[in-house]
């Protein structure tokens, strides 16, 4: 959850360039709690089967996402332009913004 708090100040900049979603494998109640605690105003998509992690190749070490979190920058055609599995994805806001600015 700390990653979302860290990402929160950059959400408006990211949303100016792209749609932004949090994909969470937890229960709806847990997702509501995460949103409330983080203060982030981003849609949370529930993904208990890790479909998103598998689809965008964010699975690692035998478990979806390797037990970690990460991000993917996907263009309008559905092509993954950048992805990273990183427990500290919130600190990568600058990298996410740079990837979005490079999109065709």
N, C-alpha and C. Protein backbone atom coordinates (compact mmCIF):
# COMPACT_ATOMS: atom_id res chain seq x y z
N UNK A 1 0.81 -1.18 0.00
CA UNK A 1 0.00 0.00 0.00
C UNK A 1 0.86 1.26 0.00
N UNK A 2 2.04 1.18 0.61
CA UNK A 2 2.93 2.33 0.63
C UNK A 2 3.30 2.80 -0.76
N UNK A 3 3.33 1.86 -1.72
CA UNK A 3 3.66 2.23 -3.09
C UNK A 3 2.59 3.14 -3.67
N UNK A 4 1.33 2.88 -3.35
CA UNK A 4 0.25 3.73 -3.85
C UNK A 4 0.33 5.12 -3.25
N UNK A 5 0.67 5.20 -1.97
CA UNK A 5 0.83 6.50 -1.32
C UNK A 5 1.94 7.27 -2.00
N UNK A 6 3.03 6.59 -2.31
CA UNK A 6 4.17 7.23 -2.97
C UNK A 6 3.82 7.67 -4.39
N UNK A 7 2.99 6.90 -5.06
CA UNK A 7 2.59 7.22 -6.43
C UNK A 7 1.55 8.34 -6.48
N UNK A 8 0.79 8.50 -5.42
CA UNK A 8 -0.36 9.42 -5.40
C UNK A 8 -0.05 10.84 -5.90
N UNK A 9 1.08 11.47 -5.53
CA UNK A 9 1.33 12.83 -6.01
C UNK A 9 1.48 12.94 -7.53
N UNK A 10 1.78 11.85 -8.19
CA UNK A 10 2.00 11.87 -9.64
C UNK A 10 0.78 11.38 -10.43
N UNK A 11 -0.27 10.96 -9.74
CA UNK A 11 -1.44 10.39 -10.42
C UNK A 11 -2.02 11.36 -11.44
N UNK A 12 -2.15 12.63 -11.09
CA UNK A 12 -2.76 13.57 -12.04
C UNK A 12 -1.91 13.72 -13.29
N UNK A 13 -0.58 13.71 -13.15
CA UNK A 13 0.30 13.79 -14.33
C UNK A 13 0.17 12.55 -15.20
N UNK A 14 0.12 11.40 -14.56
CA UNK A 14 -0.02 10.15 -15.31
C UNK A 14 -1.37 10.10 -16.02
N UNK A 15 -2.42 10.49 -15.31
CA UNK A 15 -3.77 10.43 -15.89
C UNK A 15 -3.94 11.44 -17.03
N UNK A 16 -3.13 12.48 -17.06
CA UNK A 16 -3.19 13.42 -18.17
C UNK A 16 -2.68 12.78 -19.46
N UNK A 17 -1.88 11.72 -19.33
CA UNK A 17 -1.29 11.06 -20.49
C UNK A 17 -1.93 9.71 -20.81
N UNK A 18 -2.61 9.10 -19.83
CA UNK A 18 -3.10 7.74 -20.04
C UNK A 18 -4.18 7.40 -19.02
N UNK A 19 -4.87 6.30 -19.29
CA UNK A 19 -5.76 5.72 -18.30
C UNK A 19 -4.89 5.01 -17.27
N UNK A 20 -5.28 5.07 -16.03
CA UNK A 20 -4.49 4.46 -14.96
C UNK A 20 -5.40 3.59 -14.11
N UNK A 21 -4.97 2.36 -13.88
CA UNK A 21 -5.73 1.41 -13.07
C UNK A 21 -4.80 0.70 -12.11
N UNK A 22 -5.34 0.33 -10.98
CA UNK A 22 -4.65 -0.56 -10.05
C UNK A 22 -5.30 -1.92 -10.23
N UNK A 23 -4.49 -2.94 -10.42
CA UNK A 23 -5.00 -4.31 -10.53
C UNK A 23 -4.63 -5.02 -9.24
N UNK A 24 -5.64 -5.54 -8.56
CA UNK A 24 -5.45 -6.10 -7.23
C UNK A 24 -6.05 -7.50 -7.17
N UNK A 25 -5.27 -8.49 -6.71
CA UNK A 25 -5.80 -9.85 -6.62
C UNK A 25 -6.61 -10.11 -5.35
N UNK A 26 -6.71 -9.11 -4.49
CA UNK A 26 -7.38 -9.30 -3.21
C UNK A 26 -8.90 -9.22 -3.33
N UNK A 27 -9.56 -9.33 -2.21
CA UNK A 27 -11.02 -9.28 -2.15
C UNK A 27 -11.51 -7.85 -2.36
N UNK A 28 -12.78 -7.69 -2.73
CA UNK A 28 -13.33 -6.34 -2.87
C UNK A 28 -13.17 -5.51 -1.59
N UNK A 29 -13.39 -6.12 -0.44
CA UNK A 29 -13.26 -5.38 0.83
C UNK A 29 -11.82 -4.93 1.04
N UNK A 30 -10.87 -5.80 0.78
CA UNK A 30 -9.46 -5.43 0.93
C UNK A 30 -9.12 -4.29 -0.02
N UNK A 31 -9.63 -4.35 -1.24
CA UNK A 31 -9.36 -3.29 -2.22
C UNK A 31 -9.94 -1.96 -1.75
N UNK A 32 -11.12 -1.99 -1.16
CA UNK A 32 -11.71 -0.75 -0.63
C UNK A 32 -10.84 -0.19 0.50
N UNK A 33 -10.33 -1.07 1.33
CA UNK A 33 -9.46 -0.63 2.43
C UNK A 33 -8.16 -0.03 1.90
N UNK A 34 -7.60 -0.64 0.86
CA UNK A 34 -6.38 -0.12 0.25
C UNK A 34 -6.63 1.28 -0.29
N UNK A 35 -7.73 1.45 -0.99
CA UNK A 35 -8.06 2.77 -1.54
C UNK A 35 -8.24 3.79 -0.41
N UNK A 36 -8.95 3.42 0.63
CA UNK A 36 -9.20 4.35 1.74
C UNK A 36 -7.90 4.73 2.44
N UNK A 37 -7.03 3.76 2.69
CA UNK A 37 -5.78 4.04 3.40
C UNK A 37 -4.79 4.81 2.54
N UNK A 38 -4.77 4.55 1.24
CA UNK A 38 -3.78 5.20 0.38
C UNK A 38 -4.22 6.58 -0.06
N UNK A 39 -5.53 6.81 -0.10
CA UNK A 39 -6.04 8.09 -0.56
C UNK A 39 -5.96 8.26 -2.07
N UNK A 40 -5.61 7.22 -2.78
CA UNK A 40 -5.47 7.30 -4.23
C UNK A 40 -6.84 7.16 -4.90
N UNK A 41 -7.08 7.97 -5.91
CA UNK A 41 -8.39 7.96 -6.58
C UNK A 41 -8.27 7.34 -7.97
N UNK A 42 -7.87 6.09 -7.99
CA UNK A 42 -7.68 5.35 -9.23
C UNK A 42 -8.59 4.13 -9.19
N UNK A 43 -9.22 3.79 -10.32
CA UNK A 43 -10.05 2.58 -10.31
C UNK A 43 -9.21 1.35 -9.96
N UNK A 44 -9.77 0.50 -9.11
CA UNK A 44 -9.11 -0.74 -8.74
C UNK A 44 -9.84 -1.89 -9.41
N UNK A 45 -9.13 -2.62 -10.26
CA UNK A 45 -9.69 -3.78 -10.95
C UNK A 45 -9.34 -5.03 -10.16
N UNK A 46 -10.34 -5.82 -9.84
CA UNK A 46 -10.11 -7.05 -9.09
C UNK A 46 -9.65 -8.15 -10.03
N UNK A 47 -8.59 -8.84 -9.65
CA UNK A 47 -8.00 -9.87 -10.50
C UNK A 47 -7.51 -11.05 -9.66
N UNK A 48 -8.45 -11.78 -9.02
CA UNK A 48 -8.04 -12.86 -8.12
C UNK A 48 -7.33 -14.02 -8.82
N UNK A 49 -7.50 -14.16 -10.12
CA UNK A 49 -6.84 -15.24 -10.86
C UNK A 49 -5.51 -14.80 -11.49
N UNK A 50 -5.09 -13.56 -11.22
CA UNK A 50 -3.84 -13.02 -11.75
C UNK A 50 -3.81 -12.98 -13.28
N UNK A 51 -4.96 -12.80 -13.88
CA UNK A 51 -5.05 -12.75 -15.33
C UNK A 51 -4.21 -11.62 -15.90
N UNK A 52 -4.27 -10.45 -15.29
CA UNK A 52 -3.48 -9.31 -15.76
C UNK A 52 -1.99 -9.58 -15.67
N UNK A 53 -1.54 -10.14 -14.57
CA UNK A 53 -0.12 -10.45 -14.40
C UNK A 53 0.34 -11.44 -15.47
N UNK A 54 -0.49 -12.42 -15.74
CA UNK A 54 -0.14 -13.42 -16.75
C UNK A 54 -0.18 -12.82 -18.15
N UNK A 55 -1.21 -12.04 -18.44
CA UNK A 55 -1.37 -11.46 -19.77
C UNK A 55 -0.21 -10.54 -20.13
N UNK A 56 0.24 -9.75 -19.16
CA UNK A 56 1.29 -8.76 -19.44
C UNK A 56 2.66 -9.20 -18.92
N UNK A 57 2.82 -10.51 -18.73
CA UNK A 57 4.11 -11.11 -18.39
C UNK A 57 4.74 -10.47 -17.15
N UNK A 58 3.93 -10.29 -16.12
CA UNK A 58 4.43 -9.77 -14.86
C UNK A 58 4.52 -10.86 -13.80
N UNK A 59 4.48 -12.11 -14.24
CA UNK A 59 4.58 -13.22 -13.29
C UNK A 59 6.04 -13.56 -13.07
N UNK A 60 6.36 -14.01 -11.88
CA UNK A 60 7.75 -14.34 -11.61
C UNK A 60 7.91 -15.37 -10.52
N UNK A 61 9.00 -16.06 -10.52
CA UNK A 61 9.42 -17.01 -9.50
C UNK A 61 8.32 -18.00 -9.11
N UNK A 62 7.62 -18.53 -10.07
CA UNK A 62 6.66 -19.58 -9.81
C UNK A 62 5.32 -19.12 -9.28
N UNK A 63 5.20 -17.87 -8.92
CA UNK A 63 3.92 -17.33 -8.46
C UNK A 63 3.63 -16.09 -9.28
N UNK A 64 2.37 -15.82 -9.55
CA UNK A 64 2.05 -14.59 -10.27
C UNK A 64 2.68 -13.40 -9.57
N UNK A 65 3.39 -12.61 -10.32
CA UNK A 65 4.08 -11.41 -9.87
C UNK A 65 5.14 -11.72 -8.82
N UNK A 66 5.46 -12.99 -8.63
CA UNK A 66 6.51 -13.34 -7.69
C UNK A 66 6.23 -12.86 -6.28
N UNK A 67 4.97 -12.60 -5.98
CA UNK A 67 4.63 -12.07 -4.68
C UNK A 67 4.84 -10.57 -4.58
N UNK A 68 5.28 -9.97 -5.67
CA UNK A 68 5.57 -8.54 -5.68
C UNK A 68 4.48 -7.79 -6.43
N UNK A 69 4.73 -6.53 -6.62
CA UNK A 69 3.84 -5.67 -7.40
C UNK A 69 4.65 -5.04 -8.51
N UNK A 70 3.99 -4.43 -9.44
CA UNK A 70 4.71 -3.82 -10.53
C UNK A 70 3.80 -2.97 -11.37
N UNK A 71 4.27 -2.61 -12.54
CA UNK A 71 3.46 -1.81 -13.44
C UNK A 71 3.74 -2.21 -14.88
N UNK A 72 2.82 -1.84 -15.75
CA UNK A 72 3.00 -2.03 -17.19
C UNK A 72 2.44 -0.80 -17.88
N UNK A 73 3.15 -0.32 -18.88
CA UNK A 73 2.67 0.76 -19.74
C UNK A 73 2.25 0.09 -21.04
N UNK A 74 0.97 0.17 -21.34
CA UNK A 74 0.39 -0.52 -22.49
C UNK A 74 -0.20 0.53 -23.42
N UNK A 75 0.18 0.49 -24.70
CA UNK A 75 -0.32 1.50 -25.62
C UNK A 75 -1.76 1.19 -26.05
N UNK A 76 -2.31 2.08 -26.87
CA UNK A 76 -3.71 1.96 -27.29
C UNK A 76 -3.98 0.69 -28.09
N UNK A 77 -2.94 0.09 -28.69
CA UNK A 77 -3.10 -1.14 -29.45
C UNK A 77 -2.92 -2.38 -28.57
N UNK A 78 -2.68 -2.19 -27.28
CA UNK A 78 -2.51 -3.31 -26.37
C UNK A 78 -1.09 -3.84 -26.31
N UNK A 79 -0.14 -3.11 -26.87
CA UNK A 79 1.26 -3.53 -26.86
C UNK A 79 1.93 -3.02 -25.59
N UNK A 80 2.60 -3.91 -24.88
CA UNK A 80 3.32 -3.52 -23.67
C UNK A 80 4.58 -2.77 -24.09
N UNK A 81 4.66 -1.52 -23.70
CA UNK A 81 5.81 -0.69 -24.05
C UNK A 81 6.87 -0.66 -22.95
N UNK A 82 6.43 -0.87 -21.74
CA UNK A 82 7.37 -0.97 -20.62
C UNK A 82 6.68 -1.73 -19.51
N UNK A 83 7.44 -2.53 -18.80
CA UNK A 83 6.89 -3.26 -17.66
C UNK A 83 8.00 -3.47 -16.65
N UNK A 84 7.58 -3.59 -15.43
CA UNK A 84 8.57 -3.78 -14.37
C UNK A 84 7.89 -4.42 -13.18
N UNK A 85 8.46 -5.48 -12.67
CA UNK A 85 8.02 -6.06 -11.40
C UNK A 85 8.96 -5.47 -10.35
N UNK A 86 8.38 -4.71 -9.44
CA UNK A 86 9.20 -3.96 -8.50
C UNK A 86 8.35 -3.62 -7.28
N UNK A 87 8.74 -4.09 -6.13
CA UNK A 87 7.98 -3.83 -4.92
C UNK A 87 7.86 -2.34 -4.66
N UNK A 88 8.80 -1.55 -5.15
CA UNK A 88 8.80 -0.10 -4.96
C UNK A 88 8.31 0.64 -6.20
N UNK A 89 7.26 0.11 -6.85
CA UNK A 89 6.81 0.74 -8.10
C UNK A 89 6.41 2.20 -7.91
N UNK A 90 6.00 2.58 -6.72
CA UNK A 90 5.61 3.97 -6.48
C UNK A 90 6.76 4.93 -6.71
N UNK A 91 7.98 4.47 -6.45
CA UNK A 91 9.15 5.32 -6.66
C UNK A 91 9.53 5.41 -8.14
N UNK A 92 8.83 4.68 -8.99
CA UNK A 92 9.11 4.70 -10.42
C UNK A 92 8.18 5.63 -11.19
N UNK A 93 7.52 6.55 -10.52
CA UNK A 93 6.59 7.46 -11.20
C UNK A 93 7.28 8.20 -12.33
N UNK A 94 8.50 8.65 -12.11
CA UNK A 94 9.24 9.36 -13.16
C UNK A 94 9.43 8.47 -14.37
N UNK A 95 9.80 7.22 -14.14
CA UNK A 95 10.01 6.26 -15.23
C UNK A 95 8.70 6.00 -15.98
N UNK A 96 7.61 5.88 -15.25
CA UNK A 96 6.30 5.67 -15.87
C UNK A 96 5.94 6.86 -16.74
N UNK A 97 6.13 8.07 -16.23
CA UNK A 97 5.83 9.27 -17.01
C UNK A 97 6.69 9.35 -18.27
N UNK A 98 7.96 9.01 -18.16
CA UNK A 98 8.84 9.02 -19.33
C UNK A 98 8.36 8.02 -20.37
N UNK A 99 7.97 6.83 -19.94
CA UNK A 99 7.47 5.82 -20.88
C UNK A 99 6.20 6.30 -21.57
N UNK A 100 5.33 6.95 -20.83
CA UNK A 100 4.09 7.46 -21.43
C UNK A 100 4.38 8.54 -22.45
N UNK A 101 5.33 9.38 -22.16
CA UNK A 101 5.67 10.47 -23.10
C UNK A 101 6.31 9.94 -24.38
N UNK A 102 6.89 8.75 -24.32
CA UNK A 102 7.50 8.15 -25.52
C UNK A 102 6.49 7.41 -26.39
N UNK A 103 5.28 7.21 -25.90
CA UNK A 103 4.29 6.47 -26.69
C UNK A 103 4.03 7.18 -28.01
N UNK A 104 3.86 6.38 -29.07
CA UNK A 104 3.57 6.99 -30.38
C UNK A 104 2.19 7.65 -30.39
